[in-house]
Amino acid sequence: MKTIAQKIINASLIVAAVYVSGCTKDFKEFNTNPTGVTNQQYAVDYQSLGAPMEQAQQNIYVGSPAWAYQLQQNLIADVYSGYMMSPDPFQSNVNNTNYALVDGWNSYPWDYAYNNVMSNINSVLKQTTDPQYAPYYQWAKILRVEAMHRVSDIYGPIIYSHYGQINDDGSVDYDSQKDVYYAFFNDLDSAINEFTTLVQSNALPTFTNYDLCYGGDYAKWLKFANTLRLRLAIRISYVDPDKAKEEGEKALSNSGGLLETNDDNCFVNIGTNPHPLNVINNDWGDIRLGAPVSSILNGYNDGRISKYALKATDPSVAGQYIGIRNGINIDAIGRYEGYSQLVTFPSSVQLMVAAEAWFLKSEAAIRGWAGAGDAETDYNTGIETSFAQYGLDATSYMNDATSTAQPYIDPNAITPGQNDVKTGSPWLSTVTIKWNDGDAFERKLERIITQKWIAMYPEGQEAWSEFRRTGYPKLFPVVVNNSGGTISTTEFIKRINFPADERSNNPNGVAKALQLLGGPDTGGTPLWWDTH
């Protein structure tokens, strides 16, 4: 890591101790209006509702500072999804990337969610129940689900329905992941009903000044909420198929529809701040493309690779698109810093793109859910939508029935051949691009998820979740496993352990959460929906 990045990472541990002190300690503070101004002082222009909502949007996926995003997502989901890998041997190469989970890093998804999202959303939901404010309340519920399903998909059981409720022993209770998913569906049901009415009545927008994604457009938030509902329904399709089908079909049948075109994509505007990946990639040199991306996209002759990454500059691989394999032996940053850097991203962070919605529909179709349409049409439209997002044409790509992932050869491995993934390896996918309706369910699923994984880049959290749920796309297991046997190399990491502050400040709550989790508090315990 560059000197400035090292200072930021070290400082972040101090900031964490001062800024956040566990979910239970600061509930009184979280339950007050974070704007510091009474409702009466500016209820006229909705600022007491809008200002917290701006903060919530900006912290679902931290746009600034970059070091916070690095710890919230980049050194967890972005790496575990196969999208990216660091050339830096943090902590003498004993760190998250090779399953030595670092407590000082792994509290950040929790801390930012509770301190910056839940607290602000709670301040909105606690204000007057006057019907004129209903759009804000329901919008808050959509954002709460978007933020907290990400947190649950990292840790498992979380504090949701019991948020702000302190027991006599000072603890706060967690919800099981099943219960919290059901609560997500209830929140979305309420929000979707409200926004359906608003859209049908052509109601004037009320939160235009505070909406950093859609500028207050009710119709687009309705599409987002429906797509989010379908995403979560698909997520539980193996473990709770009846509930999944029920919720999925509600999403598919709503008159507001799903995200459909790239005009519906949800990117949160972070203003003049640079995208955090630009800082981590360009300024610090702490992240590079992941090996699975280069393997799959090179093998597919996929033009999107030039929109995702730059060609390598290292003399051994110069002019190639090549990523770094996750969890390998790295002695110094110079060994891999010349591998493919990421492109420069605009000053907005991605929450959801329309291509994902089409792939969700395609999977719903092969599962036989009503309203999903034709699986092949949905699949092809997903590819076309993703290509169009980058100004590319997908016609020849969709008709390619022969190309498969390219073997990965790493000439810079400390031990020659150690990092290579050659033809015939069980970790190298053989799935092709062109849809074949005669394929078995599992082959169709692999094709859908592989294309969805490509299309959702660089949003690593959703990509990691879908990999755990399905096992697709095929990724490369770590070469170096520093978990001490708590995480299987071949089964991959399943979750992140509960934050150290929670273990210290809410021990009784965490003890109950472990019962709900159904296994030890390690990265090897699968989540409720992870039955793969």
Protein backbone atom coordinates (compact mmCIF):
# COMPACT_ATOMS: atom_id res chain seq x y z
CA MET A 1 0.00 0.00 0.00
CA LYS A 2 1.26 3.51 -0.76
CA THR A 3 2.28 5.65 2.20
CA ILE A 4 -0.86 7.77 2.11
CA ALA A 5 -3.08 4.71 1.98
CA GLN A 6 -1.25 3.12 4.91
CA LYS A 7 -1.82 6.24 6.96
CA ILE A 8 -5.50 6.22 6.06
CA ILE A 9 -5.96 2.56 6.96
CA ASN A 10 -4.18 3.02 10.29
CA ALA A 11 -6.10 6.19 11.02
CA SER A 12 -9.36 4.46 10.19
CA LEU A 13 -8.95 2.18 13.18
CA ILE A 14 -8.69 5.21 15.45
CA VAL A 15 -11.64 6.86 13.73
CA ALA A 16 -13.68 3.70 14.20
CA ALA A 17 -13.09 3.77 17.94
CA VAL A 18 -14.17 7.41 18.20
CA TYR A 19 -16.86 7.56 15.53
CA VAL A 20 -18.64 4.30 16.23
CA SER A 21 -18.82 2.40 19.48
CA GLY A 22 -21.18 -0.43 18.72
CA CYS A 23 -24.78 -0.72 17.74
CA THR A 24 -26.20 -0.63 21.28
CA LYS A 25 -24.21 2.23 22.79
CA ASP A 26 -25.48 5.06 20.65
CA PHE A 27 -29.12 4.24 20.09
CA LYS A 28 -30.22 7.36 21.97
CA GLU A 29 -28.07 9.49 19.71
CA PHE A 30 -29.19 7.61 16.60
CA ASN A 31 -32.83 8.14 17.51
CA THR A 32 -32.54 11.93 17.45
CA ASN A 33 -32.81 14.17 14.40
CA PRO A 34 -29.23 14.20 12.98
CA THR A 35 -29.77 17.57 11.32
CA GLY A 36 -29.91 19.26 14.74
CA VAL A 37 -32.87 21.43 13.73
CA THR A 38 -36.47 21.05 14.86
CA ASN A 39 -39.13 19.90 12.43
CA GLN A 40 -40.97 23.19 12.81
CA GLN A 41 -37.96 25.21 11.68
CA TYR A 42 -38.02 23.81 8.19
CA ALA A 43 -40.93 21.47 7.73
CA VAL A 44 -42.12 23.68 4.88
CA ASP A 45 -39.40 22.56 2.47
CA TYR A 46 -39.09 19.03 3.91
CA GLN A 47 -35.46 19.57 4.90
CA SER A 48 -35.83 17.73 8.19
CA LEU A 49 -36.82 14.72 6.10
CA GLY A 50 -34.64 15.30 3.08
CA ALA A 51 -31.29 15.96 4.72
CA PRO A 52 -31.19 12.60 6.53
CA MET A 53 -32.23 10.86 3.33
CA GLU A 54 -29.30 12.40 1.48
CA GLN A 55 -26.98 11.04 4.14
CA ALA A 56 -28.57 7.60 3.94
CA GLN A 57 -28.13 7.42 0.16
CA GLN A 58 -24.50 8.46 0.35
CA ASN A 59 -23.64 5.71 2.83
CA ILE A 60 -25.34 2.62 1.42
CA TYR A 61 -22.17 2.40 -0.66
CA VAL A 62 -19.73 4.95 0.77
CA GLY A 63 -18.72 7.46 -1.87
CA SER A 64 -16.31 9.43 0.30
CA PRO A 65 -13.87 9.07 1.98
CA ALA A 66 -12.31 6.38 -0.18
CA TRP A 67 -10.68 4.56 2.75
CA ALA A 68 -14.13 3.98 4.25
CA TYR A 69 -15.35 2.37 1.03
CA GLN A 70 -12.13 0.37 0.89
CA LEU A 71 -13.04 -1.20 4.23
CA GLN A 72 -16.81 -1.26 3.76
CA GLN A 73 -16.74 -3.13 0.46
CA ASN A 74 -13.52 -3.21 -1.53
CA LEU A 75 -11.46 -5.51 0.71
CA ILE A 76 -14.49 -7.73 1.30
CA ALA A 77 -17.11 -8.13 -1.43
CA ASP A 78 -15.21 -6.64 -4.37
CA VAL A 79 -12.47 -9.21 -3.80
CA TYR A 80 -14.66 -12.19 -2.84
CA SER A 81 -16.85 -11.62 -5.90
CA GLY A 82 -13.84 -12.18 -8.17
CA TYR A 83 -14.13 -8.67 -9.59
CA MET A 84 -10.94 -7.29 -8.06
CA MET A 85 -7.82 -8.18 -6.12
CA SER A 86 -5.19 -6.13 -4.33
CA PRO A 87 -1.53 -6.27 -5.35
CA ASP A 88 -0.63 -5.08 -1.85
CA PRO A 89 0.38 -7.75 0.72
CA PHE A 90 -1.41 -6.00 3.58
CA GLN A 91 -0.23 -7.10 7.02
CA SER A 92 2.56 -9.26 5.61
CA ASN A 93 0.05 -10.99 3.35
CA VAL A 94 -2.17 -12.12 6.21
CA ASN A 95 -5.48 -10.38 5.55
CA ASN A 96 -9.01 -10.69 4.18
CA THR A 97 -7.91 -11.63 0.69
CA ASN A 98 -6.51 -14.93 1.96
CA TYR A 99 -9.16 -15.51 4.64
CA ALA A 100 -7.32 -14.07 7.65
CA LEU A 101 -10.30 -11.89 8.61
CA VAL A 102 -9.22 -8.53 10.02
CA ASP A 103 -11.52 -7.22 12.76
CA GLY A 104 -10.29 -3.66 12.28
CA TRP A 105 -11.47 -3.78 8.68
CA ASN A 106 -14.61 -5.86 8.85
CA SER A 107 -16.71 -3.71 11.14
CA TYR A 108 -17.12 -1.03 8.49
CA PRO A 109 -20.12 -2.47 6.59
CA TRP A 110 -21.93 -2.66 9.95
CA ASP A 111 -20.78 0.70 11.27
CA TYR A 112 -21.73 2.73 8.22
CA ALA A 113 -25.08 1.00 7.89
CA TYR A 114 -26.13 1.70 11.45
CA ASN A 115 -24.46 5.07 12.05
CA ASN A 116 -25.17 6.64 8.68
CA VAL A 117 -28.14 4.82 7.14
CA MET A 118 -30.36 3.31 9.84
CA SER A 119 -29.94 6.30 12.16
CA ASN A 120 -30.91 8.78 9.45
CA ILE A 121 -33.79 6.68 8.16
CA ASN A 122 -35.04 6.18 11.70
CA SER A 123 -35.06 9.95 12.20
CA VAL A 124 -37.36 10.22 9.17
CA LEU A 125 -39.69 7.42 10.24
CA LYS A 126 -39.99 8.90 13.75
CA GLN A 127 -41.30 12.21 12.50
CA THR A 128 -44.96 13.11 12.09
CA THR A 129 -47.25 10.61 10.38
CA ASP A 130 -49.00 13.35 8.43
CA PRO A 131 -50.06 11.81 5.08
CA GLN A 132 -48.33 14.60 3.16
CA TYR A 133 -45.01 13.08 4.24
CA ALA A 134 -45.91 9.53 3.20
CA PRO A 135 -43.65 9.53 0.11
CA TYR A 136 -40.64 10.19 2.34
CA TYR A 137 -41.54 7.40 4.75
CA GLN A 138 -42.00 4.86 2.00
CA TRP A 139 -38.88 6.02 0.16
CA ALA A 140 -37.02 5.61 3.45
CA LYS A 141 -38.23 2.01 3.66
CA ILE A 142 -36.94 1.23 0.17
CA LEU A 143 -33.52 2.64 1.01
CA ARG A 144 -33.51 0.85 4.36
CA VAL A 145 -34.07 -2.49 2.62
CA GLU A 146 -31.45 -1.73 -0.04
CA ALA A 147 -28.88 -0.88 2.64
CA MET A 148 -29.65 -3.54 5.19
CA HIS A 149 -30.03 -6.53 2.89
CA ARG A 150 -26.41 -5.88 1.95
CA VAL A 151 -25.47 -5.95 5.63
CA SER A 152 -27.43 -9.14 6.27
CA ASP A 153 -25.83 -10.72 3.21
CA ILE A 154 -22.44 -10.05 4.79
CA TYR A 155 -23.06 -11.09 8.41
CA GLY A 156 -26.34 -13.08 8.47
CA PRO A 157 -28.59 -12.16 11.44
CA ILE A 158 -28.73 -8.39 11.99
CA ILE A 159 -30.56 -5.86 14.15
CA TYR A 160 -33.60 -4.69 12.18
CA SER A 161 -37.04 -5.03 13.75
CA HIS A 162 -35.49 -4.54 17.22
CA TYR A 163 -33.49 -1.47 16.21
CA GLY A 164 -33.59 1.07 19.07
CA GLN A 165 -35.09 -1.44 21.52
CA ILE A 166 -32.72 -2.00 24.43
CA ASN A 167 -33.40 -4.93 26.76
CA ASP A 168 -33.11 -4.76 30.56
CA ASP A 169 -29.63 -6.28 30.37
CA GLY A 170 -28.50 -3.59 27.92
CA SER A 171 -28.54 -5.90 24.92
CA VAL A 172 -30.32 -5.50 21.61
CA ASP A 173 -31.83 -8.51 19.88
CA TYR A 174 -30.97 -9.62 16.36
CA ASP A 175 -33.40 -10.93 13.77
CA SER A 176 -32.68 -14.24 12.10
CA GLN A 177 -31.89 -13.83 8.44
CA LYS A 178 -35.20 -15.47 7.55
CA ASP A 179 -37.10 -13.03 9.76
CA VAL A 180 -35.20 -10.03 8.47
CA TYR A 181 -35.87 -11.04 4.85
CA TYR A 182 -39.56 -11.34 5.66
CA ALA A 183 -39.37 -7.86 7.23
CA PHE A 184 -37.72 -6.59 4.04
CA PHE A 185 -40.64 -7.92 2.02
CA ASN A 186 -43.12 -6.24 4.38
CA ASP A 187 -41.31 -2.91 4.05
CA LEU A 188 -41.24 -3.22 0.28
CA ASP A 189 -44.91 -4.18 0.19
CA SER A 190 -45.81 -0.98 2.05
CA ALA A 191 -43.55 1.18 -0.12
CA ILE A 192 -44.66 -0.36 -3.39
CA ASN A 193 -48.33 0.14 -2.53
CA GLU A 194 -47.70 3.82 -1.77
CA PHE A 195 -45.60 4.44 -4.88
CA THR A 196 -48.06 2.58 -7.10
CA THR A 197 -50.77 4.97 -5.93
CA LEU A 198 -48.50 8.00 -6.41
CA VAL A 199 -47.63 6.94 -9.97
CA GLN A 200 -51.23 6.15 -10.92
CA SER A 201 -52.44 9.50 -9.57
CA ASN A 202 -49.65 11.47 -11.26
CA ALA A 203 -48.73 12.96 -7.89
CA LEU A 204 -46.20 15.77 -7.87
CA PRO A 205 -42.78 14.72 -6.54
CA THR A 206 -41.88 15.98 -3.08
CA PHE A 207 -38.28 14.86 -2.56
CA THR A 208 -36.69 16.02 -5.82
CA ASN A 209 -34.08 18.15 -4.05
CA TYR A 210 -32.85 15.23 -1.92
CA ASP A 211 -32.99 12.30 -4.33
CA LEU A 212 -29.42 11.64 -5.50
CA CYS A 213 -30.41 8.91 -7.93
CA TYR A 214 -33.71 9.62 -9.70
CA GLY A 215 -34.41 13.27 -8.91
CA GLY A 216 -37.67 12.47 -7.12
CA ASP A 217 -39.19 10.37 -9.91
CA TYR A 218 -41.82 8.15 -8.25
CA ALA A 219 -42.15 5.89 -11.28
CA LYS A 220 -38.45 5.04 -11.25
CA TRP A 221 -38.40 4.37 -7.52
CA LEU A 222 -41.36 2.05 -8.03
CA LYS A 223 -39.38 0.17 -10.67
CA PHE A 224 -36.40 0.05 -8.33
CA ALA A 225 -38.51 -1.29 -5.46
CA ASN A 226 -40.10 -3.97 -7.66
CA THR A 227 -36.68 -5.04 -8.92
CA LEU A 228 -35.28 -5.09 -5.39
CA ARG A 229 -38.19 -7.30 -4.34
CA LEU A 230 -37.48 -9.68 -7.23
CA ARG A 231 -33.77 -9.71 -6.33
CA LEU A 232 -34.53 -10.73 -2.75
CA ALA A 233 -37.14 -13.26 -3.85
CA ILE A 234 -34.62 -14.94 -6.15
CA ARG A 235 -32.09 -14.84 -3.30
CA ILE A 236 -34.23 -17.15 -1.12
CA SER A 237 -35.44 -19.39 -3.95
CA TYR A 238 -33.51 -22.44 -2.77
CA VAL A 239 -34.17 -22.20 0.95
CA ASP A 240 -37.78 -20.91 0.93
CA PRO A 241 -39.19 -21.59 -2.56
CA ASP A 242 -42.86 -20.90 -1.76
CA LYS A 243 -42.16 -17.49 -0.22
CA ALA A 244 -39.73 -16.72 -3.03
CA LYS A 245 -42.33 -17.47 -5.68
CA GLU A 246 -45.00 -15.46 -3.87
CA GLU A 247 -42.80 -12.36 -3.54
CA GLY A 248 -41.27 -12.74 -6.98
CA GLU A 249 -44.66 -12.92 -8.67
CA LYS A 250 -45.78 -9.81 -6.77
CA ALA A 251 -42.81 -7.95 -8.19
CA LEU A 252 -43.44 -9.27 -11.69
CA SER A 253 -47.14 -8.39 -11.66
CA ASN A 254 -46.96 -4.85 -10.30
CA SER A 255 -48.15 -2.27 -12.82
CA GLY A 256 -45.05 -0.14 -12.27
CA GLY A 257 -42.76 -2.76 -13.81
CA LEU A 258 -39.06 -3.40 -13.23
CA LEU A 259 -35.95 -1.53 -14.29
CA GLU A 260 -36.07 -1.87 -18.06
CA THR A 261 -33.62 0.40 -19.85
CA ASN A 262 -30.37 2.08 -18.89
CA ASP A 263 -32.33 5.26 -18.19
CA ASP A 264 -33.64 3.37 -15.16
CA ASN A 265 -30.19 2.58 -13.75
CA CYS A 266 -29.66 3.77 -10.17
CA PHE A 267 -26.36 5.56 -9.62
CA VAL A 268 -26.03 7.74 -6.51
CA ASN A 269 -24.46 11.10 -7.32
CA ILE A 270 -21.50 11.82 -5.02
CA GLY A 271 -20.99 15.36 -6.31
CA THR A 272 -17.43 16.61 -6.70
CA ASN A 273 -15.91 13.65 -4.85
CA PRO A 274 -13.97 11.20 -7.02
CA HIS A 275 -15.33 7.68 -7.20
CA PRO A 276 -13.65 5.78 -4.34
CA LEU A 277 -12.34 3.13 -6.73
CA ASN A 278 -10.50 5.86 -8.63
CA VAL A 279 -8.62 6.81 -5.48
CA ILE A 280 -7.90 3.23 -4.41
CA ASN A 281 -6.87 2.19 -7.92
CA ASN A 282 -5.16 5.26 -9.36
CA ASP A 283 -3.83 7.17 -6.35
CA TRP A 284 -2.92 4.34 -4.00
CA GLY A 285 -2.40 1.41 -6.37
CA ASP A 286 -4.24 -0.81 -3.89
CA ILE A 287 -6.63 -2.58 -6.27
CA ARG A 288 -6.47 -4.20 -9.67
CA LEU A 289 -8.75 -6.30 -11.86
CA GLY A 290 -9.59 -9.79 -10.62
CA ALA A 291 -8.35 -12.85 -12.53
CA PRO A 292 -11.86 -14.28 -13.15
CA VAL A 293 -12.89 -11.11 -15.01
CA SER A 294 -9.97 -11.30 -17.40
CA SER A 295 -10.39 -15.07 -17.81
CA ILE A 296 -14.09 -14.94 -18.64
CA LEU A 297 -14.22 -11.74 -20.68
CA ASN A 298 -11.08 -12.53 -22.66
CA GLY A 299 -12.40 -16.00 -23.39
CA TYR A 300 -15.72 -14.58 -24.54
CA ASN A 301 -14.08 -11.86 -26.66
CA ASP A 302 -16.27 -9.55 -24.62
CA GLY A 303 -15.86 -5.90 -25.58
CA ARG A 304 -16.92 -4.77 -22.14
CA ILE A 305 -13.48 -5.62 -20.79
CA SER A 306 -12.09 -2.39 -22.25
CA LYS A 307 -14.84 -0.52 -20.39
CA TYR A 308 -13.90 -2.21 -17.13
CA ALA A 309 -10.10 -2.21 -17.14
CA LEU A 310 -6.91 -1.03 -18.80
CA LYS A 311 -4.27 -3.17 -20.44
CA ALA A 312 -1.42 -4.31 -18.23
CA THR A 313 1.90 -2.48 -18.18
CA ASP A 314 4.02 -5.14 -16.46
CA PRO A 315 6.66 -6.30 -18.99
CA SER A 316 5.68 -9.97 -18.62
CA VAL A 317 2.04 -9.31 -19.59
CA ALA A 318 2.18 -5.88 -21.25
CA GLY A 319 -0.70 -5.11 -23.57
CA GLN A 320 -2.95 -7.82 -22.12
CA TYR A 321 -6.06 -7.54 -20.01
CA ILE A 322 -5.04 -9.62 -17.02
CA GLY A 323 -6.21 -9.63 -13.43
CA ILE A 324 -4.72 -10.93 -10.20
CA ARG A 325 -5.89 -14.19 -8.67
CA ASN A 326 -7.44 -13.89 -5.23
CA GLY A 327 -5.62 -15.16 -2.16
CA ILE A 328 -2.17 -15.76 -3.58
CA ASN A 329 1.34 -15.43 -2.21
CA ILE A 330 2.41 -11.79 -2.64
CA ASP A 331 5.73 -10.50 -1.32
CA ALA A 332 5.58 -6.87 -2.46
CA ILE A 333 3.20 -4.56 -4.28
CA GLY A 334 5.59 -4.26 -7.21
CA ARG A 335 5.01 -7.87 -8.21
CA TYR A 336 1.47 -7.20 -9.50
CA GLU A 337 0.90 -3.45 -9.64
CA GLY A 338 1.52 -3.55 -13.39
CA TYR A 339 -1.45 -5.88 -13.98
CA SER A 340 -4.70 -4.40 -15.32
CA GLN A 341 -5.84 -1.28 -13.52
CA LEU A 342 -9.51 -0.39 -13.40
CA VAL A 343 -10.89 2.30 -15.68
CA THR A 344 -11.70 5.70 -14.20
CA PHE A 345 -15.27 5.82 -12.97
CA PRO A 346 -17.60 8.86 -12.96
CA SER A 347 -18.57 10.53 -9.68
CA SER A 348 -21.52 8.27 -8.95
CA VAL A 349 -21.81 4.88 -7.31
CA GLN A 350 -23.87 2.02 -8.68
CA LEU A 351 -26.75 0.54 -6.71
CA MET A 352 -28.61 -1.29 -9.47
CA VAL A 353 -28.67 -1.52 -13.27
CA ALA A 354 -31.46 -2.55 -15.61
CA ALA A 355 -29.50 -5.49 -17.02
CA GLU A 356 -29.76 -7.18 -13.62
CA ALA A 357 -33.55 -7.00 -13.80
CA TRP A 358 -33.61 -8.88 -17.10
CA PHE A 359 -31.40 -11.65 -15.73
CA LEU A 360 -33.59 -11.87 -12.63
CA LYS A 361 -36.58 -12.31 -14.94
CA SER A 362 -34.75 -14.96 -16.92
CA GLU A 363 -34.07 -16.98 -13.79
CA ALA A 364 -37.64 -16.47 -12.62
CA ALA A 365 -38.77 -17.82 -16.00
CA ILE A 366 -36.75 -21.04 -15.75
CA ARG A 367 -38.23 -21.44 -12.28
CA GLY A 368 -41.73 -21.20 -13.75
CA TRP A 369 -42.81 -17.99 -12.01
CA ALA A 370 -45.84 -16.26 -13.49
CA GLY A 371 -45.18 -12.99 -15.28
CA ALA A 372 -41.50 -13.67 -15.93
CA GLY A 373 -41.87 -13.98 -19.69
CA ASP A 374 -39.61 -16.05 -21.90
CA ALA A 375 -36.24 -17.01 -20.39
CA GLU A 376 -34.30 -16.70 -23.64
CA THR A 377 -35.78 -13.30 -24.50
CA ASP A 378 -35.06 -12.02 -20.99
CA TYR A 379 -31.51 -13.37 -21.11
CA ASN A 380 -30.73 -11.81 -24.48
CA THR A 381 -32.30 -8.51 -23.46
CA GLY A 382 -30.11 -8.51 -20.36
CA ILE A 383 -26.99 -8.87 -22.51
CA GLU A 384 -28.18 -6.21 -24.98
CA THR A 385 -28.98 -3.81 -22.14
CA SER A 386 -25.56 -4.28 -20.56
CA PHE A 387 -23.76 -3.79 -23.87
CA ALA A 388 -25.86 -0.70 -24.61
CA GLN A 389 -24.83 0.74 -21.24
CA TYR A 390 -21.30 0.94 -22.65
CA GLY A 391 -22.22 1.92 -26.20
CA LEU A 392 -21.55 -1.55 -27.61
CA ASP A 393 -23.51 -3.87 -29.91
CA ALA A 394 -24.25 -7.38 -28.61
CA THR A 395 -25.56 -9.08 -31.77
CA SER A 396 -22.58 -11.30 -32.63
CA TYR A 397 -21.78 -11.86 -28.97
CA MET A 398 -25.21 -13.33 -28.18
CA ASN A 399 -24.88 -15.77 -31.08
CA ASP A 400 -21.49 -17.12 -29.99
CA ALA A 401 -22.05 -20.78 -29.11
CA THR A 402 -18.40 -21.83 -28.84
CA SER A 403 -16.36 -19.37 -26.76
CA THR A 404 -15.62 -20.26 -23.13
CA ALA A 405 -13.53 -18.82 -20.31
CA GLN A 406 -9.83 -18.48 -21.10
CA PRO A 407 -7.23 -20.36 -19.02
CA TYR A 408 -5.45 -18.10 -16.54
CA ILE A 409 -1.66 -18.15 -16.65
CA ASP A 410 0.26 -16.02 -14.14
CA PRO A 411 3.90 -15.52 -15.18
CA ASN A 412 4.69 -13.55 -12.02
CA ALA A 413 3.75 -16.22 -9.48
CA ILE A 414 6.37 -16.66 -6.76
CA THR A 415 6.15 -20.41 -7.33
CA PRO A 416 5.89 -21.01 -11.11
CA GLY A 417 2.53 -22.41 -12.11
CA GLN A 418 1.07 -22.06 -8.61
CA ASN A 419 -1.57 -19.54 -9.66
CA ASP A 420 -2.42 -21.00 -13.06
CA VAL A 421 -5.90 -22.26 -13.92
CA LYS A 422 -5.59 -24.40 -17.02
CA THR A 423 -8.00 -26.12 -19.40
CA GLY A 424 -9.67 -29.01 -17.62
CA SER A 425 -9.57 -27.35 -14.22
CA PRO A 426 -12.85 -27.68 -12.27
CA TRP A 427 -12.58 -23.95 -11.56
CA LEU A 428 -12.62 -22.94 -15.22
CA SER A 429 -16.13 -22.64 -16.62
CA THR A 430 -17.06 -24.30 -19.89
CA VAL A 431 -20.40 -22.50 -20.24
CA THR A 432 -20.88 -20.70 -23.55
CA ILE A 433 -22.81 -17.52 -24.33
CA LYS A 434 -25.60 -18.41 -26.75
CA TRP A 435 -28.84 -19.52 -25.14
CA ASN A 436 -29.79 -23.16 -25.62
CA ASP A 437 -33.32 -23.91 -24.55
CA GLY A 438 -32.58 -27.63 -24.56
CA ASP A 439 -30.03 -27.32 -21.77
CA ALA A 440 -30.74 -28.63 -18.29
CA PHE A 441 -31.84 -26.18 -15.58
CA GLU A 442 -28.39 -25.97 -13.99
CA ARG A 443 -26.66 -25.15 -17.27
CA LYS A 444 -29.20 -22.44 -17.98
CA LEU A 445 -28.69 -21.05 -14.49
CA GLU A 446 -24.92 -20.94 -14.90
CA ARG A 447 -25.33 -19.09 -18.20
CA ILE A 448 -27.73 -16.54 -16.63
CA ILE A 449 -25.65 -15.91 -13.51
CA THR A 450 -22.39 -15.65 -15.45
CA GLN A 451 -23.86 -12.94 -17.66
CA LYS A 452 -25.49 -11.21 -14.70
CA TRP A 453 -22.13 -11.21 -12.90
CA ILE A 454 -20.49 -9.57 -15.90
CA ALA A 455 -23.27 -6.97 -16.17
CA MET A 456 -23.33 -5.95 -12.49
CA TYR A 457 -19.63 -5.02 -12.41
CA PRO A 458 -18.24 -3.25 -10.35
CA GLU A 459 -20.93 -3.81 -7.66
CA GLY A 460 -19.15 -6.57 -5.79
CA GLN A 461 -21.60 -7.07 -2.94
CA GLU A 462 -24.42 -8.37 -5.10
CA ALA A 463 -21.99 -10.40 -7.21
CA TRP A 464 -20.53 -12.08 -4.10
CA SER A 465 -24.01 -12.86 -2.76
CA GLU A 466 -25.11 -14.47 -5.99
CA PHE A 467 -21.92 -16.52 -6.21
CA ARG A 468 -22.56 -17.91 -2.72
CA ARG A 469 -26.19 -18.67 -3.57
CA THR A 470 -25.50 -20.46 -6.87
CA GLY A 471 -21.79 -21.25 -7.15
CA TYR A 472 -21.71 -19.22 -10.39
CA PRO A 473 -19.81 -17.96 -12.15
CA LYS A 474 -17.01 -20.38 -11.45
CA LEU A 475 -14.31 -18.50 -9.56
CA PHE A 476 -10.76 -19.47 -8.60
CA PRO A 477 -10.23 -20.60 -4.99
CA VAL A 478 -7.54 -19.00 -2.86
CA VAL A 479 -4.05 -20.43 -3.12
CA VAL A 480 -3.09 -19.25 0.37
CA ASN A 481 -5.69 -19.92 3.08
CA ASN A 482 -4.84 -18.21 6.36
CA SER A 483 -8.16 -18.97 8.08
CA GLY A 484 -6.73 -21.63 10.35
CA GLY A 485 -9.17 -24.17 9.01
CA THR A 486 -12.34 -22.16 9.68
CA ILE A 487 -13.00 -21.45 5.98
CA SER A 488 -12.90 -24.12 3.30
CA THR A 489 -10.66 -23.40 0.33
CA THR A 490 -12.94 -25.26 -2.07
CA GLU A 491 -16.24 -23.99 -0.60
CA PHE A 492 -15.02 -20.37 -0.47
CA ILE A 493 -15.73 -17.77 2.20
CA LYS A 494 -19.37 -17.63 3.32
CA ARG A 495 -19.66 -14.52 5.50
CA ILE A 496 -17.84 -12.04 7.72
CA ASN A 497 -17.82 -12.48 11.50
CA PHE A 498 -19.77 -10.08 13.72
CA PRO A 499 -17.96 -6.80 14.49
CA ALA A 500 -15.64 -6.69 17.50
CA ASP A 501 -17.61 -3.77 18.98
CA GLU A 502 -20.78 -5.81 18.90
CA ARG A 503 -19.06 -8.73 20.60
CA SER A 504 -17.84 -6.32 23.32
CA ASN A 505 -20.84 -4.03 23.74
CA ASN A 506 -23.71 -6.40 22.94
CA PRO A 507 -22.42 -9.83 24.04
CA ASN A 508 -25.83 -11.20 24.98
CA GLY A 509 -27.29 -10.05 21.68
CA VAL A 510 -24.43 -11.65 19.75
CA ALA A 511 -24.80 -14.89 21.72
CA LYS A 512 -28.44 -15.08 20.62
CA ALA A 513 -27.44 -14.13 17.09
CA LEU A 514 -25.08 -17.10 16.94
CA GLN A 515 -27.96 -19.40 17.80
CA LEU A 516 -29.89 -17.84 14.91
CA LEU A 517 -26.87 -18.20 12.64
CA GLY A 518 -26.66 -21.89 13.44
CA GLY A 519 -22.89 -22.12 13.44
CA PRO A 520 -19.69 -20.56 14.75
CA ASP A 521 -18.92 -16.89 14.19
CA THR A 522 -16.45 -17.55 11.40
CA GLY A 523 -16.24 -16.95 7.68
CA GLY A 524 -17.01 -20.59 7.04
CA THR A 525 -20.57 -20.65 8.37
CA PRO A 526 -23.10 -20.33 5.51
CA LEU A 527 -25.97 -17.87 5.66
CA TRP A 528 -29.62 -18.98 5.74
CA TRP A 529 -30.15 -18.64 1.99
CA ASP A 530 -26.78 -20.18 1.10
CA THR A 531 -27.60 -23.83 0.51
CA HIS A 532 -25.14 -24.31 -2.36
